[in-house]
Structures are given as structure tokens and as C-alpha cells.
């Protein structure tokens, strides 16, 4: 397979990023072993290596000790715990625990185990992931555009070297895209008061 074939194979396999839908989350509280088993099963297609663990007991304990995840009640984790853990899972590969805390804690402090009559963590989860399909399609268009640009690079390189150089160019473009978005996230974390809405309500 050529490099281009591999890239298009990715598109065909991941035409949309699947996520855990709210109705798939158990309506009962779970023990830690049940939580790790559930996450490992539901996010299996996100693994790079079949032996990789999506979530471990150590990770969950560290999230709780650091104040990122609210502690379980009588060693049992609720649906809101699972919603929070899914958000953490998607953030942890490109954000530090301290930065995730700055983003997540204002949300969990306010909406974790909220009254059924009020906006809750499940409502937030549904709203955020409802954007998934449209956003993913746009991202794929951007990647295809970058792929097209990479194919126009190194036209004067020897033919037997050109494909790998073009692939390197694609890596650099994709990496730059990730770098800029990560920089924007850290800038927002450092310069926006993420808890100001709570402070405003308290003042009122």
C-alpha cells in the first residue's frame, strides 16, 4: 500500500468518531472494576494497541486525589462520574492534569449531581457531542486539503524519495495544526477566568 492508500484507509475506517452515547451509560452506580471494563469496551476502537488500557484504576485514583474527579460515594461511581471521565479521556492526550482541572472543575463543581430540573452534566455532554458529526466532517476536509498540498511539494526530489518527503510534509502540517490549537487552548486557560460565571451569580 502507498502512503496515500493508508491515509484513505484511515478515512474509510474513521468516517466518524464514535463516542459513548448517553443512553449507553448504565443507569446504576458502578464499582471501579465495572467502570474500567465499561470504558475499555465502549472505546475499544480508539486503541492504537489491542493491549492498551483506556482507563486504569491508578488513573481514576489519581484523578480523584488531584481533585479533578469528584470522589465516589461508597466506592461507587455514578453516571456523572462516567460523563466526567469521558471528557477527561479525550483531553488527557494533549492537556496536562492541571489544565484539565482548570477547564473541568468549574463544570463539575456546578453541574455534577445537579437537580433533575436544572442543567446537568448529562445535558452538557449531549450538547458538546452533538457537534461531533459536523465538526468531524470539517476536520476531514481540512486534512484532505493538507494532503493535497503535501502532494504538490518536493516535485524536484528524486522520484524514489518524493513520496516519503511528501508524507513528512503532511506530518509537519498536521503537527502545526495541532500545535496552534493546543497553544490557543493554553492561552485561553491562562487568560480567561473560567469560573467567572459562578462569581457573578454569587455577587448577584
Protein backbone atom coordinates (compact mmCIF):
# COMPACT_ATOMS: atom_id res chain seq x y z
CA UNK A 1 0.00 0.00 0.00
CA UNK A 2 1.17 3.51 -0.77
CA UNK A 3 1.14 6.28 1.83
CA UNK A 4 -1.88 7.75 0.10
CA UNK A 5 -3.70 4.40 0.31
CA UNK A 6 -3.03 4.24 4.05
CA UNK A 7 -4.42 7.75 4.56
CA UNK A 8 -7.59 6.96 2.63
CA UNK A 9 -7.95 3.73 4.57
CA UNK A 10 -7.99 5.86 7.72
CA UNK A 11 -10.80 7.95 6.27
CA UNK A 12 -12.83 4.87 5.40
CA UNK A 13 -12.37 3.33 8.87
CA UNK A 14 -12.97 6.55 10.79
CA UNK A 15 -15.60 8.28 8.69
CA UNK A 16 -16.97 9.47 12.02
CA UNK A 17 -15.59 9.37 15.52
CA UNK A 18 -17.84 7.16 17.58
CA UNK A 19 -18.46 8.19 21.15
CA UNK A 20 -20.33 6.78 24.09
CA UNK A 21 -23.92 7.88 23.80
CA UNK A 22 -25.78 8.86 26.99
CA UNK A 23 -28.26 6.02 26.61
CA UNK A 24 -25.36 3.54 26.58
CA UNK A 25 -24.18 4.62 30.02
CA UNK A 26 -25.53 2.37 32.79
CA UNK A 27 -28.32 3.82 34.87
CA UNK A 28 -26.88 2.27 38.02
CA UNK A 29 -23.80 3.11 40.03
CA UNK A 30 -20.69 1.06 39.24
CA UNK A 31 -17.68 -0.16 41.16
CA UNK A 32 -14.27 0.78 39.81
CA UNK A 33 -13.69 -2.55 38.04
CA UNK A 34 -17.01 -2.12 36.27
CA UNK A 35 -16.08 1.43 35.25
CA UNK A 36 -12.76 0.39 33.70
CA UNK A 37 -14.39 -2.57 31.94
CA UNK A 38 -17.16 -0.37 30.55
CA UNK A 39 -14.76 2.30 29.26
CA UNK A 40 -12.40 -0.28 27.79
CA UNK A 41 -15.25 -1.95 25.92
CA UNK A 42 -17.02 1.16 24.68
CA UNK A 43 -13.85 2.95 23.49
CA UNK A 44 -12.05 -0.12 22.13
CA UNK A 45 -11.94 1.33 18.62
CA UNK A 46 -9.85 4.26 19.93
CA UNK A 47 -6.96 1.98 20.91
CA UNK A 48 -3.72 2.07 18.96
CA UNK A 49 -2.62 -1.22 20.54
CA UNK A 50 -5.10 -4.01 21.46
CA UNK A 51 -3.36 -4.37 24.84
CA UNK A 52 -3.72 -0.68 25.64
CA UNK A 53 -5.94 0.21 28.58
CA UNK A 54 -8.39 3.05 28.05
CA UNK A 55 -8.64 3.69 31.77
CA UNK A 56 -6.94 2.10 34.77
CA UNK A 57 -7.63 2.06 38.49
CA UNK A 58 -4.47 4.10 39.04
CA UNK A 59 -5.67 6.78 36.63
CA UNK A 60 -9.05 7.06 38.35
CA UNK A 61 -7.44 7.21 41.80
CA UNK A 62 -5.03 9.91 40.62
CA UNK A 63 -7.85 11.95 39.12
CA UNK A 64 -9.71 11.77 42.43
CA UNK A 65 -6.66 12.53 44.58
CA UNK A 66 -5.78 15.54 42.43
CA UNK A 67 -9.31 16.94 42.75
CA UNK A 68 -10.05 16.52 39.05
CA UNK A 69 -12.76 13.89 39.57
CA UNK A 70 -15.29 14.09 42.42
CA UNK A 71 -14.82 11.16 44.82
CA UNK A 72 -17.12 8.12 44.54
CA UNK A 73 -19.87 7.56 47.05
CA UNK A 74 -19.30 4.34 49.00
CA UNK A 75 -16.82 3.23 46.30
CA UNK A 76 -19.48 3.53 43.60
CA UNK A 77 -19.34 5.77 40.53
CA UNK A 78 -22.43 7.46 39.11
CA UNK A 79 -23.40 8.36 35.55
CA UNK A 80 -21.98 11.84 36.17
CA UNK A 81 -18.65 10.26 37.09
CA UNK A 82 -18.68 8.47 33.73
CA UNK A 83 -19.52 11.65 31.82
CA UNK A 84 -16.62 13.41 33.55
CA UNK A 85 -14.24 10.51 32.86
CA UNK A 86 -15.12 10.54 29.15
CA UNK A 87 -14.33 14.26 28.93
CA UNK A 88 -11.06 13.64 30.77
CA UNK A 89 -10.18 10.76 28.45
CA UNK A 90 -10.43 12.96 25.36
CA UNK A 91 -8.47 15.81 26.95
CA UNK A 92 -5.62 13.91 28.63
CA UNK A 93 -3.57 13.25 25.49
CA UNK A 94 -3.00 16.93 24.79
CA UNK A 95 -3.60 18.70 28.12
CA UNK A 96 -1.89 18.44 31.48
CA UNK A 97 -3.90 17.34 34.50
CA UNK A 98 -3.62 20.84 35.98
CA UNK A 99 -5.01 22.38 32.79
CA UNK A 100 -7.83 19.83 32.60
CA UNK A 101 -8.72 20.75 36.18
CA UNK A 102 -8.95 24.42 35.24
CA UNK A 103 -11.34 23.54 32.42
CA UNK A 104 -13.34 20.76 34.08
CA UNK A 105 -13.65 21.84 37.71
CA UNK A 106 -15.90 24.87 37.09
CA UNK A 107 -18.22 22.50 35.20
CA UNK A 108 -18.20 19.62 37.69
CA UNK A 109 -18.43 22.00 40.66
CA UNK A 110 -21.61 23.49 39.25
CA UNK A 111 -23.31 20.69 37.33
CA UNK A 112 -22.20 17.41 38.95
CA UNK A 113 -25.23 15.69 40.52
CA UNK A 114 -27.39 18.72 39.86
CA UNK A 115 -31.16 18.67 40.37
CA UNK A 116 -33.11 16.90 37.59
CA UNK A 117 -34.93 20.19 36.97
CA UNK A 118 -31.67 22.04 36.28
CA UNK A 119 -29.00 21.81 33.62
CA UNK A 120 -26.79 18.82 34.45
CA UNK A 121 -23.61 17.14 33.32
CA UNK A 122 -25.56 14.80 31.04
CA UNK A 123 -27.13 17.79 29.27
CA UNK A 124 -23.70 19.32 28.76
CA UNK A 125 -22.34 16.01 27.46
CA UNK A 126 -25.20 15.71 24.95
CA UNK A 127 -24.76 19.28 23.73
CA UNK A 128 -20.99 19.02 23.25
CA UNK A 129 -21.05 15.68 21.45
CA UNK A 130 -23.97 16.70 19.25
CA UNK A 131 -21.39 18.83 17.42
CA UNK A 132 -19.27 15.75 16.66
CA UNK A 133 -20.56 14.82 13.19
CA UNK A 134 -20.38 18.27 11.59
CA UNK A 135 -17.05 19.04 13.22
CA UNK A 136 -15.52 15.75 12.14
CA UNK A 137 -16.59 16.24 8.53
CA UNK A 138 -14.97 19.68 8.52
CA UNK A 139 -11.77 18.27 10.02
CA UNK A 140 -11.63 15.61 7.32
CA UNK A 141 -11.97 18.29 4.64
CA UNK A 142 -9.07 20.16 6.23
CA UNK A 143 -6.92 17.00 6.30
CA UNK A 144 -7.74 16.26 2.65
CA UNK A 145 -6.74 19.81 1.76
CA UNK A 146 -3.42 19.34 3.59
CA UNK A 147 -2.93 16.00 1.86
CA UNK A 148 -3.44 17.70 -1.50
CA UNK A 149 -0.94 20.42 -0.64
CA UNK A 150 1.62 17.87 0.53
CA UNK A 151 1.35 16.05 -2.83
CA UNK A 152 2.47 19.24 -4.55
CA UNK A 153 5.68 19.50 -2.51
CA UNK A 154 9.16 18.22 -3.40
CA UNK A 155 8.39 17.98 -7.11
CA UNK A 156 12.11 18.27 -7.87
CA UNK A 157 13.14 15.49 -5.46
CA UNK A 158 14.22 12.12 -6.87
CA UNK A 159 11.13 10.03 -7.64
CA UNK A 160 12.07 7.26 -5.20
CA UNK A 161 12.36 9.81 -2.35
CA UNK A 162 9.42 12.05 -3.21
CA UNK A 163 6.61 10.09 -1.54
CA UNK A 164 8.34 9.91 1.85
CA UNK A 165 9.23 13.60 1.70
CA UNK A 166 5.63 14.44 0.88
CA UNK A 167 4.49 12.31 3.82
CA UNK A 168 6.94 14.22 6.04
CA UNK A 169 5.42 17.47 4.79
CA UNK A 170 1.95 16.16 5.71
CA UNK A 171 3.16 15.23 9.20
CA UNK A 172 4.52 18.75 9.64
CA UNK A 173 1.28 20.39 8.50
CA UNK A 174 -0.85 18.18 10.74
CA UNK A 175 1.54 18.76 13.65
CA UNK A 176 1.46 22.53 13.13
CA UNK A 177 -2.33 22.44 13.15
CA UNK A 178 -2.34 20.53 16.46
CA UNK A 179 0.35 22.85 17.88
CA UNK A 180 -1.62 26.02 17.10
CA UNK A 181 -4.85 24.61 18.56
CA UNK A 182 -3.03 23.49 21.70
CA UNK A 183 -1.44 26.94 22.01
CA UNK A 184 -4.88 28.53 21.71
CA UNK A 185 -6.27 26.26 24.42
CA UNK A 186 -3.45 27.02 26.85
CA UNK A 187 -3.76 30.74 26.07
CA UNK A 188 -7.48 30.66 26.89
CA UNK A 189 -6.80 28.70 30.09
CA UNK A 190 -4.19 31.26 31.16
CA UNK A 191 -6.14 34.39 30.22
CA UNK A 192 -9.84 33.61 30.70
CA UNK A 193 -11.45 33.39 34.12
CA UNK A 194 -13.23 30.06 33.68
CA UNK A 195 -15.11 30.43 36.97
CA UNK A 196 -16.32 34.00 36.47
CA UNK A 197 -19.96 32.97 35.81
CA UNK A 198 -20.08 31.40 39.28
CA UNK A 199 -18.58 34.52 40.82
CA UNK A 200 -21.12 36.71 39.02
CA UNK A 201 -24.04 34.67 40.38
CA UNK A 202 -22.57 34.81 43.87
CA UNK A 203 -22.28 38.58 43.59
CA UNK A 204 -25.88 38.85 42.43
